[in-house]
Each structure stands twice: as C-alpha cells, then as structure tokens.
Amino acid sequence: MKNLVVTGLLALVLTACGGSGGGVVHVVDRPVNYTPELRSFDLLDSYDVDTRYDDHTPLALNPYAYEGLFDIFWRANSLEDFHLQLLVNDEPYPDNALLIYSERCGAGRQCDQGGSLICEYTPHFTMGCGLGPDVDISLLVRQVPQEVYLLLQVCDIDSTYCEFSHFPVWME
C-alpha cells in the first residue's frame, strides 16, 4: 500500500510539472543566409553634402570643386565573399548601367563588411574610384547639368543575387 501511495504521488508530481514523458522536442535550425546584404550606402558630394546627415539637399558632382573628388561610404553583411560595384545610370536601376568600380570583398580582404572609396569626376566626363581605371561616361552624361543615379550594389559570387541602393546626383 505504501508503494502505491508513493507511486501515485510521483505520478501526480510528474504530471503537474509537465513531465508526462510522452512529448518529443524538435529543434529546427534556422536556415543560414549566405547572400550579401547592403546595410548602408552614403555619399559626400562636391559641396560637402553628406547623406549620412542630410537626406533632403540635392546631390551634385562638379569636376572643378575639390578637383572632382567625392566619397562613398558603405556597410554590408555577408557570411561569404561578395562583389561590390559602383555604377552610374540614367535611371535608378542597375540594368544597362556603366560600371565605375568593382572589388571582391569579404573576410581577410581589404574591404570586408564595409569601407569607403574616394572617387573622381573629371571635366572630360570620366569617372573612377580608388586605383581603378577612369570610365568614360560621356555616352550617359551628354550635357551638364544632367541628373543621373549613382548606385552601389553588392552581389553574391555563387548566384545572380544582388542588392543595391541609389542616389540621384546632378552632374555639373
């Protein structure tokens, strides 16, 4: 009788604690996202308008102000290497855009998850960044002033996946 009471109390305690023993816990791992994510893209134009602090003043690039230099700042998140590309286009999309700069970024590389670029816009309608070559943009910028779009894009190396952001910029 004593064993029956102890067994009954033990069953009551286990039931109260949810310890029926019949439940199975399944742990499901979240899928790992290996595609790059563009976290931020900012521009410092020829007139010191910095998009990190001013999101309403129109941006402009002038080949005679600060010798045509302007700055790009960016941050990305990626578990693997990715391509970083700066493009210029007459519409806010990368389709048919001119490639101004490209670099492979990732862990252990000069550009890992963020960085900056010093770029130049010349009076000869060329544009270049870093140590990359100058790109002729005269087919796109036919007269000045003209509004174009600067786009920053991060692309997965193993697929066609890309993310981009853009700014409208007046070319003077």
N, C-alpha and C. Protein backbone atom coordinates (compact mmCIF):
# COMPACT_ATOMS: atom_id res chain seq x y z
N MET A 1 0.82 -1.18 0.00
CA MET A 1 0.00 0.00 0.00
C MET A 1 0.87 1.26 0.00
N LYS A 2 1.95 1.20 0.78
CA LYS A 2 2.85 2.33 0.85
C LYS A 2 3.47 2.61 -0.53
N ASN A 3 3.85 1.55 -1.28
CA ASN A 3 4.41 1.72 -2.62
C ASN A 3 3.39 2.33 -3.58
N LEU A 4 2.16 1.98 -3.41
CA LEU A 4 1.10 2.50 -4.27
C LEU A 4 0.92 4.01 -4.04
N VAL A 5 0.99 4.45 -2.77
CA VAL A 5 0.85 5.86 -2.44
C VAL A 5 2.06 6.64 -3.00
N VAL A 6 3.28 6.12 -2.84
CA VAL A 6 4.48 6.79 -3.34
C VAL A 6 4.42 6.88 -4.86
N THR A 7 4.00 5.81 -5.53
CA THR A 7 3.88 5.81 -6.98
C THR A 7 2.84 6.81 -7.43
N GLY A 8 1.73 6.90 -6.71
CA GLY A 8 0.68 7.86 -7.05
C GLY A 8 1.15 9.29 -6.88
N LEU A 9 1.87 9.57 -5.79
CA LEU A 9 2.41 10.91 -5.57
C LEU A 9 3.44 11.27 -6.63
N LEU A 10 4.28 10.31 -6.99
CA LEU A 10 5.28 10.56 -8.01
C LEU A 10 4.62 10.86 -9.36
N ALA A 11 3.58 10.14 -9.71
CA ALA A 11 2.85 10.37 -10.96
C ALA A 11 2.19 11.74 -10.94
N LEU A 12 1.63 12.12 -9.77
CA LEU A 12 0.98 13.41 -9.64
C LEU A 12 2.00 14.55 -9.80
N VAL A 13 3.18 14.43 -9.21
CA VAL A 13 4.21 15.45 -9.31
C VAL A 13 4.69 15.56 -10.76
N LEU A 14 4.94 14.44 -11.42
CA LEU A 14 5.40 14.47 -12.80
C LEU A 14 4.36 15.09 -13.73
N THR A 15 3.09 14.80 -13.49
CA THR A 15 2.03 15.37 -14.31
C THR A 15 1.92 16.87 -14.10
N ALA A 16 2.06 17.32 -12.87
CA ALA A 16 1.98 18.74 -12.56
C ALA A 16 3.14 19.50 -13.18
N CYS A 17 4.28 18.88 -13.30
CA CYS A 17 5.45 19.54 -13.88
C CYS A 17 5.50 19.39 -15.38
N GLY A 18 4.54 18.74 -15.94
CA GLY A 18 4.54 18.56 -17.38
C GLY A 18 5.45 17.42 -17.80
N GLY A 19 5.85 16.58 -16.90
CA GLY A 19 6.78 15.50 -17.21
C GLY A 19 6.09 14.21 -17.53
N SER A 20 5.16 14.23 -18.44
CA SER A 20 4.45 13.00 -18.78
C SER A 20 5.35 12.05 -19.55
N GLY A 21 6.42 12.54 -20.10
CA GLY A 21 7.36 11.68 -20.80
C GLY A 21 6.95 11.36 -22.21
N GLY A 22 5.76 11.78 -22.65
CA GLY A 22 5.30 11.44 -23.98
C GLY A 22 5.65 12.47 -25.03
N GLY A 23 6.09 13.66 -24.63
CA GLY A 23 6.38 14.72 -25.60
C GLY A 23 7.79 14.62 -26.15
N VAL A 24 7.95 14.97 -27.43
CA VAL A 24 9.25 14.99 -28.08
C VAL A 24 9.54 16.42 -28.51
N VAL A 25 10.71 16.93 -28.19
CA VAL A 25 11.10 18.28 -28.55
C VAL A 25 11.93 18.21 -29.82
N HIS A 26 11.51 18.98 -30.84
CA HIS A 26 12.24 19.06 -32.10
C HIS A 26 12.93 20.42 -32.18
N VAL A 27 14.21 20.43 -32.40
CA VAL A 27 14.97 21.66 -32.57
C VAL A 27 15.21 21.83 -34.06
N VAL A 28 14.71 22.95 -34.60
CA VAL A 28 14.86 23.23 -36.02
C VAL A 28 15.86 24.37 -36.19
N ASP A 29 16.93 24.13 -36.91
CA ASP A 29 17.92 25.17 -37.18
C ASP A 29 17.34 26.17 -38.16
N ARG A 30 17.63 27.45 -37.92
CA ARG A 30 17.25 28.47 -38.89
C ARG A 30 18.12 28.31 -40.13
N PRO A 31 17.54 28.56 -41.30
CA PRO A 31 18.38 28.47 -42.49
C PRO A 31 19.42 29.59 -42.49
N VAL A 32 20.61 29.29 -42.92
CA VAL A 32 21.69 30.27 -42.98
C VAL A 32 21.58 31.02 -44.31
N ASN A 33 21.60 32.34 -44.23
CA ASN A 33 21.51 33.16 -45.43
C ASN A 33 22.91 33.57 -45.86
N TYR A 34 23.37 33.03 -46.97
CA TYR A 34 24.71 33.31 -47.45
C TYR A 34 24.74 34.48 -48.44
N THR A 35 23.60 35.03 -48.81
CA THR A 35 23.59 36.14 -49.76
C THR A 35 23.96 37.44 -49.05
N PRO A 36 24.69 38.32 -49.72
CA PRO A 36 25.10 39.57 -49.09
C PRO A 36 23.92 40.53 -48.92
N GLU A 37 24.03 41.34 -47.89
CA GLU A 37 23.02 42.36 -47.61
C GLU A 37 23.70 43.72 -47.56
N LEU A 38 23.19 44.67 -48.33
CA LEU A 38 23.71 46.03 -48.30
C LEU A 38 23.05 46.76 -47.14
N ARG A 39 23.83 47.07 -46.12
CA ARG A 39 23.28 47.71 -44.91
C ARG A 39 23.19 49.22 -45.04
N SER A 40 24.20 49.85 -45.68
CA SER A 40 24.15 51.30 -45.85
C SER A 40 25.01 51.73 -47.03
N PHE A 41 24.61 52.84 -47.62
CA PHE A 41 25.34 53.46 -48.73
C PHE A 41 25.17 54.96 -48.56
N ASP A 42 26.28 55.67 -48.44
CA ASP A 42 26.23 57.12 -48.27
C ASP A 42 27.25 57.77 -49.20
N LEU A 43 26.99 59.04 -49.48
CA LEU A 43 27.78 59.79 -50.44
C LEU A 43 28.07 61.17 -49.87
N LEU A 44 29.30 61.63 -50.06
CA LEU A 44 29.71 63.01 -49.75
C LEU A 44 30.02 63.66 -51.08
N ASP A 45 29.18 64.63 -51.48
CA ASP A 45 29.29 65.19 -52.84
C ASP A 45 30.30 66.34 -52.91
N SER A 46 30.33 67.03 -54.04
CA SER A 46 31.30 68.10 -54.28
C SER A 46 31.09 69.32 -53.40
N TYR A 47 29.92 69.44 -52.80
CA TYR A 47 29.61 70.62 -51.97
C TYR A 47 29.47 70.24 -50.50
N ASP A 48 30.09 69.16 -50.12
CA ASP A 48 30.10 68.67 -48.73
C ASP A 48 28.72 68.26 -48.22
N VAL A 49 27.80 67.95 -49.10
CA VAL A 49 26.52 67.39 -48.67
C VAL A 49 26.77 65.92 -48.37
N ASP A 50 26.52 65.53 -47.13
CA ASP A 50 26.76 64.17 -46.66
C ASP A 50 25.42 63.50 -46.38
N THR A 51 25.11 62.45 -47.12
CA THR A 51 23.81 61.80 -46.98
C THR A 51 23.63 61.12 -45.63
N ARG A 52 24.70 60.96 -44.86
CA ARG A 52 24.55 60.40 -43.51
C ARG A 52 23.83 61.39 -42.60
N TYR A 53 23.93 62.68 -42.91
CA TYR A 53 23.36 63.72 -42.05
C TYR A 53 22.30 64.57 -42.73
N ASP A 54 22.28 64.55 -44.05
CA ASP A 54 21.37 65.41 -44.80
C ASP A 54 20.72 64.57 -45.90
N ASP A 55 19.44 64.31 -45.76
CA ASP A 55 18.76 63.47 -46.74
C ASP A 55 17.80 64.25 -47.64
N HIS A 56 17.89 65.59 -47.63
CA HIS A 56 16.95 66.37 -48.43
C HIS A 56 17.62 67.34 -49.42
N THR A 57 18.89 67.66 -49.23
CA THR A 57 19.58 68.55 -50.15
C THR A 57 19.98 67.77 -51.41
N PRO A 58 19.67 68.30 -52.59
CA PRO A 58 20.07 67.59 -53.82
C PRO A 58 21.59 67.43 -53.90
N LEU A 59 22.02 66.28 -54.38
CA LEU A 59 23.45 65.98 -54.51
C LEU A 59 23.97 66.44 -55.86
N ALA A 60 25.22 66.89 -55.90
CA ALA A 60 25.82 67.35 -57.15
C ALA A 60 27.30 67.00 -57.16
N LEU A 61 27.78 66.65 -58.35
CA LEU A 61 29.21 66.41 -58.55
C LEU A 61 29.71 67.43 -59.56
N ASN A 62 30.79 68.12 -59.19
CA ASN A 62 31.37 69.16 -60.01
C ASN A 62 32.84 68.82 -60.23
N PRO A 63 33.29 68.72 -61.49
CA PRO A 63 34.68 68.34 -61.73
C PRO A 63 35.70 69.40 -61.30
N TYR A 64 35.24 70.61 -60.99
CA TYR A 64 36.15 71.68 -60.60
C TYR A 64 36.18 71.93 -59.10
N ALA A 65 35.20 71.43 -58.38
CA ALA A 65 35.19 71.58 -56.92
C ALA A 65 35.95 70.42 -56.29
N TYR A 66 36.91 70.74 -55.45
CA TYR A 66 37.76 69.72 -54.81
C TYR A 66 38.39 68.78 -55.84
N GLU A 67 38.72 69.32 -57.01
CA GLU A 67 39.34 68.56 -58.10
C GLU A 67 38.47 67.38 -58.53
N GLY A 68 37.17 67.52 -58.36
CA GLY A 68 36.23 66.48 -58.79
C GLY A 68 36.10 65.30 -57.86
N LEU A 69 36.72 65.38 -56.68
CA LEU A 69 36.70 64.25 -55.76
C LEU A 69 35.38 64.19 -54.98
N PHE A 70 34.92 62.98 -54.75
CA PHE A 70 33.76 62.73 -53.89
C PHE A 70 33.97 61.40 -53.19
N ASP A 71 33.24 61.18 -52.10
CA ASP A 71 33.45 59.99 -51.27
C ASP A 71 32.21 59.12 -51.20
N ILE A 72 32.45 57.82 -51.15
CA ILE A 72 31.41 56.81 -51.00
C ILE A 72 31.68 56.07 -49.69
N PHE A 73 30.65 55.84 -48.90
CA PHE A 73 30.76 55.07 -47.66
C PHE A 73 29.72 53.96 -47.71
N TRP A 74 30.07 52.78 -47.23
CA TRP A 74 29.13 51.66 -47.30
C TRP A 74 29.40 50.65 -46.18
N ARG A 75 28.35 49.88 -45.89
CA ARG A 75 28.43 48.74 -44.97
C ARG A 75 27.61 47.61 -45.56
N ALA A 76 28.09 46.40 -45.40
CA ALA A 76 27.39 45.22 -45.89
C ALA A 76 27.45 44.14 -44.82
N ASN A 77 26.65 43.12 -45.00
CA ASN A 77 26.67 41.96 -44.13
C ASN A 77 26.68 40.73 -45.02
N SER A 78 27.70 39.90 -44.89
CA SER A 78 27.79 38.71 -45.71
C SER A 78 28.65 37.67 -45.01
N LEU A 79 28.21 36.43 -45.07
CA LEU A 79 28.98 35.34 -44.49
C LEU A 79 30.07 34.85 -45.43
N GLU A 80 29.99 35.23 -46.69
CA GLU A 80 30.96 34.80 -47.70
C GLU A 80 31.43 36.01 -48.49
N ASP A 81 32.43 35.81 -49.34
CA ASP A 81 32.90 36.87 -50.22
C ASP A 81 31.77 37.33 -51.13
N PHE A 82 31.84 38.59 -51.56
CA PHE A 82 30.82 39.16 -52.44
C PHE A 82 31.48 40.21 -53.32
N HIS A 83 30.78 40.60 -54.38
CA HIS A 83 31.25 41.66 -55.27
C HIS A 83 30.61 42.98 -54.86
N LEU A 84 31.41 44.02 -54.77
CA LEU A 84 30.95 45.38 -54.54
C LEU A 84 31.10 46.12 -55.85
N GLN A 85 30.06 46.83 -56.29
CA GLN A 85 30.11 47.55 -57.55
C GLN A 85 29.52 48.94 -57.40
N LEU A 86 30.20 49.92 -57.97
CA LEU A 86 29.66 51.28 -58.08
C LEU A 86 29.29 51.47 -59.54
N LEU A 87 28.06 51.90 -59.78
CA LEU A 87 27.52 52.05 -61.13
C LEU A 87 26.94 53.45 -61.29
N VAL A 88 26.83 53.91 -62.53
CA VAL A 88 26.14 55.15 -62.85
C VAL A 88 25.16 54.84 -63.98
N ASN A 89 23.95 55.42 -63.87
CA ASN A 89 22.92 55.14 -64.85
C ASN A 89 21.99 56.34 -64.95
N ASP A 90 21.21 56.40 -66.03
CA ASP A 90 20.22 57.46 -66.18
C ASP A 90 18.87 57.09 -65.58
N GLU A 91 18.80 55.94 -64.97
CA GLU A 91 17.61 55.50 -64.23
C GLU A 91 18.06 54.84 -62.94
N PRO A 92 17.17 54.72 -61.95
CA PRO A 92 17.60 54.24 -60.63
C PRO A 92 17.72 52.72 -60.52
N TYR A 93 18.14 52.06 -61.59
CA TYR A 93 18.29 50.61 -61.61
C TYR A 93 19.63 50.24 -62.22
N PRO A 94 20.18 49.09 -61.84
CA PRO A 94 21.49 48.71 -62.38
C PRO A 94 21.47 48.17 -63.81
N ASP A 95 20.28 47.88 -64.34
CA ASP A 95 20.21 47.37 -65.71
C ASP A 95 20.80 48.38 -66.69
N ASN A 96 21.74 47.95 -67.52
CA ASN A 96 22.39 48.77 -68.54
C ASN A 96 23.20 49.93 -67.96
N ALA A 97 23.59 49.85 -66.70
CA ALA A 97 24.38 50.90 -66.07
C ALA A 97 25.86 50.75 -66.45
N LEU A 98 26.59 51.85 -66.32
CA LEU A 98 28.03 51.83 -66.55
C LEU A 98 28.73 51.43 -65.25
N LEU A 99 29.61 50.46 -65.32
CA LEU A 99 30.37 50.01 -64.16
C LEU A 99 31.55 50.95 -63.95
N ILE A 100 31.58 51.62 -62.80
CA ILE A 100 32.66 52.55 -62.48
C ILE A 100 33.74 51.87 -61.65
N TYR A 101 33.34 51.00 -60.74
CA TYR A 101 34.30 50.37 -59.83
C TYR A 101 33.75 49.02 -59.40
N SER A 102 34.65 48.05 -59.27
CA SER A 102 34.26 46.72 -58.80
C SER A 102 35.39 46.15 -57.94
N GLU A 103 35.01 45.45 -56.88
CA GLU A 103 36.00 44.85 -56.00
C GLU A 103 35.38 43.63 -55.33
N ARG A 104 36.20 42.61 -55.13
CA ARG A 104 35.76 41.44 -54.38
C ARG A 104 36.03 41.72 -52.90
N CYS A 105 35.00 41.58 -52.08
CA CYS A 105 35.10 41.89 -50.66
C CYS A 105 34.80 40.65 -49.83
N GLY A 106 35.24 40.64 -48.59
CA GLY A 106 34.96 39.55 -47.67
C GLY A 106 36.02 39.47 -46.60
N ALA A 107 35.90 38.45 -45.76
CA ALA A 107 36.81 38.27 -44.64
C ALA A 107 38.26 38.16 -45.12
N GLY A 108 39.15 38.90 -44.48
CA GLY A 108 40.56 38.86 -44.82
C GLY A 108 40.93 39.70 -46.04
N ARG A 109 39.96 40.38 -46.64
CA ARG A 109 40.23 41.23 -47.80
C ARG A 109 40.24 42.69 -47.35
N GLN A 110 40.76 43.55 -48.21
CA GLN A 110 40.85 44.97 -47.87
C GLN A 110 39.47 45.54 -47.54
N CYS A 111 38.46 45.14 -48.30
CA CYS A 111 37.09 45.53 -47.97
C CYS A 111 36.39 44.30 -47.42
N ASP A 112 36.02 44.34 -46.18
CA ASP A 112 35.39 43.19 -45.54
C ASP A 112 33.89 43.42 -45.50
N GLN A 113 33.39 44.01 -44.45
CA GLN A 113 31.96 44.25 -44.28
C GLN A 113 31.62 45.74 -44.41
N GLY A 114 32.57 46.53 -44.83
CA GLY A 114 32.32 47.95 -45.01
C GLY A 114 33.57 48.66 -45.46
N GLY A 115 33.39 49.90 -45.87
CA GLY A 115 34.54 50.65 -46.32
C GLY A 115 34.16 51.98 -46.92
N SER A 116 35.13 52.59 -47.56
CA SER A 116 34.91 53.87 -48.23
C SER A 116 35.75 53.90 -49.51
N LEU A 117 35.32 54.73 -50.42
CA LEU A 117 36.02 54.91 -51.69
C LEU A 117 36.16 56.40 -51.95
N ILE A 118 37.31 56.79 -52.45
CA ILE A 118 37.50 58.15 -52.96
C ILE A 118 37.39 58.04 -54.47
N CYS A 119 36.45 58.79 -55.02
CA CYS A 119 36.19 58.73 -56.46
C CYS A 119 36.41 60.12 -57.07
N GLU A 120 36.54 60.14 -58.39
CA GLU A 120 36.81 61.40 -59.10
C GLU A 120 35.93 61.50 -60.34
N TYR A 121 35.38 62.69 -60.53
CA TYR A 121 34.62 63.05 -61.74
C TYR A 121 35.42 64.14 -62.43
N THR A 122 35.82 63.91 -63.69
CA THR A 122 36.71 64.85 -64.37
C THR A 122 35.95 65.72 -65.38
N PRO A 123 36.57 66.83 -65.80
CA PRO A 123 35.95 67.68 -66.82
C PRO A 123 35.83 66.99 -68.18
N HIS A 124 36.52 65.86 -68.34
CA HIS A 124 36.49 65.11 -69.60
C HIS A 124 35.40 64.05 -69.59
N PHE A 125 34.47 64.16 -68.65
CA PHE A 125 33.36 63.22 -68.50
C PHE A 125 33.85 61.79 -68.30
N THR A 126 34.80 61.65 -67.37
CA THR A 126 35.22 60.34 -66.92
C THR A 126 35.01 60.26 -65.42
N MET A 127 34.91 59.03 -64.92
CA MET A 127 34.72 58.80 -63.50
C MET A 127 35.52 57.57 -63.12
N GLY A 128 36.15 57.62 -61.96
CA GLY A 128 36.91 56.49 -61.46
C GLY A 128 37.00 56.52 -59.95
N CYS A 129 37.32 55.36 -59.36
CA CYS A 129 37.44 55.26 -57.91
C CYS A 129 38.68 54.46 -57.55
N GLY A 130 39.29 54.83 -56.43
CA GLY A 130 40.44 54.09 -55.95
C GLY A 130 41.53 54.03 -57.01
N LEU A 131 42.12 52.86 -57.16
CA LEU A 131 43.17 52.67 -58.15
C LEU A 131 42.62 52.13 -59.46
N GLY A 132 41.28 52.06 -59.56
CA GLY A 132 40.66 51.55 -60.78
C GLY A 132 40.80 52.53 -61.94
N PRO A 133 40.55 52.05 -63.15
CA PRO A 133 40.67 52.92 -64.32
C PRO A 133 39.54 53.94 -64.38
N ASP A 134 39.77 55.04 -65.08
CA ASP A 134 38.72 56.02 -65.34
C ASP A 134 37.80 55.46 -66.42
N VAL A 135 36.50 55.68 -66.23
CA VAL A 135 35.49 55.17 -67.15
C VAL A 135 34.86 56.36 -67.88
N ASP A 136 34.76 56.26 -69.18
CA ASP A 136 34.14 57.30 -69.99
C ASP A 136 32.62 57.26 -69.78
N ILE A 137 32.06 58.33 -69.25
CA ILE A 137 30.62 58.39 -69.01
C ILE A 137 29.93 59.35 -69.98
N SER A 138 30.64 59.76 -71.04
CA SER A 138 30.10 60.76 -71.96
C SER A 138 28.89 60.25 -72.75
N LEU A 139 28.75 58.93 -72.90
CA LEU A 139 27.56 58.41 -73.58
C LEU A 139 26.32 58.54 -72.70
N LEU A 140 26.55 58.61 -71.39
CA LEU A 140 25.45 58.75 -70.45
C LEU A 140 25.20 60.22 -70.09
N VAL A 141 26.26 60.94 -69.84
CA VAL A 141 26.17 62.36 -69.49
C VAL A 141 26.49 63.14 -70.76
N ARG A 142 25.45 63.57 -71.45
CA ARG A 142 25.62 64.21 -72.75
C ARG A 142 25.75 65.73 -72.64
N GLN A 143 25.16 66.28 -71.59
CA GLN A 143 25.23 67.73 -71.35
C GLN A 143 25.12 67.94 -69.85
N VAL A 144 25.60 69.08 -69.41
CA VAL A 144 25.51 69.39 -67.98
C VAL A 144 24.75 70.70 -67.80
N PRO A 145 24.00 70.86 -66.76
CA PRO A 145 23.76 69.85 -65.73
C PRO A 145 22.79 68.76 -66.22
N GLN A 146 23.01 67.57 -65.70
CA GLN A 146 22.15 66.44 -66.01
C GLN A 146 22.05 65.56 -64.78
N GLU A 147 20.85 65.08 -64.49
CA GLU A 147 20.67 64.20 -63.35
C GLU A 147 20.89 62.75 -63.77
N VAL A 148 21.70 62.05 -62.99
CA VAL A 148 21.94 60.62 -63.17
C VAL A 148 21.79 59.97 -61.80
N TYR A 149 22.02 58.67 -61.75
CA TYR A 149 21.93 57.93 -60.49
C TYR A 149 23.24 57.21 -60.24
N LEU A 150 23.76 57.40 -59.04
CA LEU A 150 24.89 56.59 -58.59
C LEU A 150 24.32 55.44 -57.79
N LEU A 151 24.73 54.23 -58.14
CA LEU A 151 24.22 53.03 -57.50
C LEU A 151 25.37 52.25 -56.88
N LEU A 152 25.15 51.73 -55.69
CA LEU A 152 26.09 50.82 -55.07
C LEU A 152 25.39 49.48 -54.96
N GLN A 153 26.09 48.43 -55.39
CA GLN A 153 25.47 47.11 -55.47
C GLN A 153 26.41 46.09 -54.84
N VAL A 154 25.83 45.16 -54.06
CA VAL A 154 26.56 44.00 -53.56
C VAL A 154 25.94 42.77 -54.19
N CYS A 155 26.80 41.88 -54.71
CA CYS A 155 26.32 40.70 -55.43
C CYS A 155 26.96 39.45 -54.87
N ASP A 156 26.17 38.41 -54.80
CA ASP A 156 26.64 37.10 -54.40
C ASP A 156 27.57 36.55 -55.48
N ILE A 157 28.62 35.91 -55.09
CA ILE A 157 29.57 35.35 -56.06
C ILE A 157 29.04 34.06 -56.67
N ASP A 158 28.27 33.30 -55.89
CA ASP A 158 27.83 31.97 -56.33
C ASP A 158 26.45 31.96 -56.99
N SER A 159 25.81 33.12 -57.14
CA SER A 159 24.49 33.17 -57.76
C SER A 159 24.33 34.52 -58.45
N THR A 160 23.14 34.77 -58.97
CA THR A 160 22.86 36.05 -59.62
C THR A 160 22.24 37.06 -58.66
N TYR A 161 22.17 36.74 -57.38
CA TYR A 161 21.53 37.60 -56.38
C TYR A 161 22.35 38.88 -56.16
N CYS A 162 21.68 40.03 -56.20
CA CYS A 162 22.30 41.33 -55.91
C CYS A 162 21.33 42.20 -55.13
N GLU A 163 21.87 43.09 -54.31
CA GLU A 163 21.10 44.15 -53.66
C GLU A 163 21.77 45.47 -54.00
N PHE A 164 20.96 46.53 -54.17
CA PHE A 164 21.55 47.83 -54.50
C PHE A 164 20.77 48.94 -53.84
N SER A 165 21.44 50.10 -53.78
CA SER A 165 20.82 51.32 -53.33
C SER A 165 21.33 52.42 -54.27
N HIS A 166 20.60 53.54 -54.34
CA HIS A 166 20.98 54.59 -55.28
C HIS A 166 20.71 55.98 -54.72
N PHE A 167 21.39 56.96 -55.34
CA PHE A 167 21.16 58.37 -55.07
C PHE A 167 21.05 59.10 -56.40
N PRO A 168 20.06 59.99 -56.54
CA PRO A 168 20.05 60.87 -57.70
C PRO A 168 21.14 61.94 -57.50
N VAL A 169 21.90 62.21 -58.55
CA VAL A 169 23.02 63.14 -58.46
C VAL A 169 23.02 64.02 -59.71
N TRP A 170 23.18 65.33 -59.49
CA TRP A 170 23.32 66.26 -60.62
C TRP A 170 24.78 66.32 -61.02
N MET A 171 25.04 66.02 -62.29
CA MET A 171 26.39 66.14 -62.84
C MET A 171 26.51 67.55 -63.40
N GLU A 172 27.50 68.29 -62.94
CA GLU A 172 27.69 69.68 -63.37
C GLU A 172 28.88 69.80 -64.31
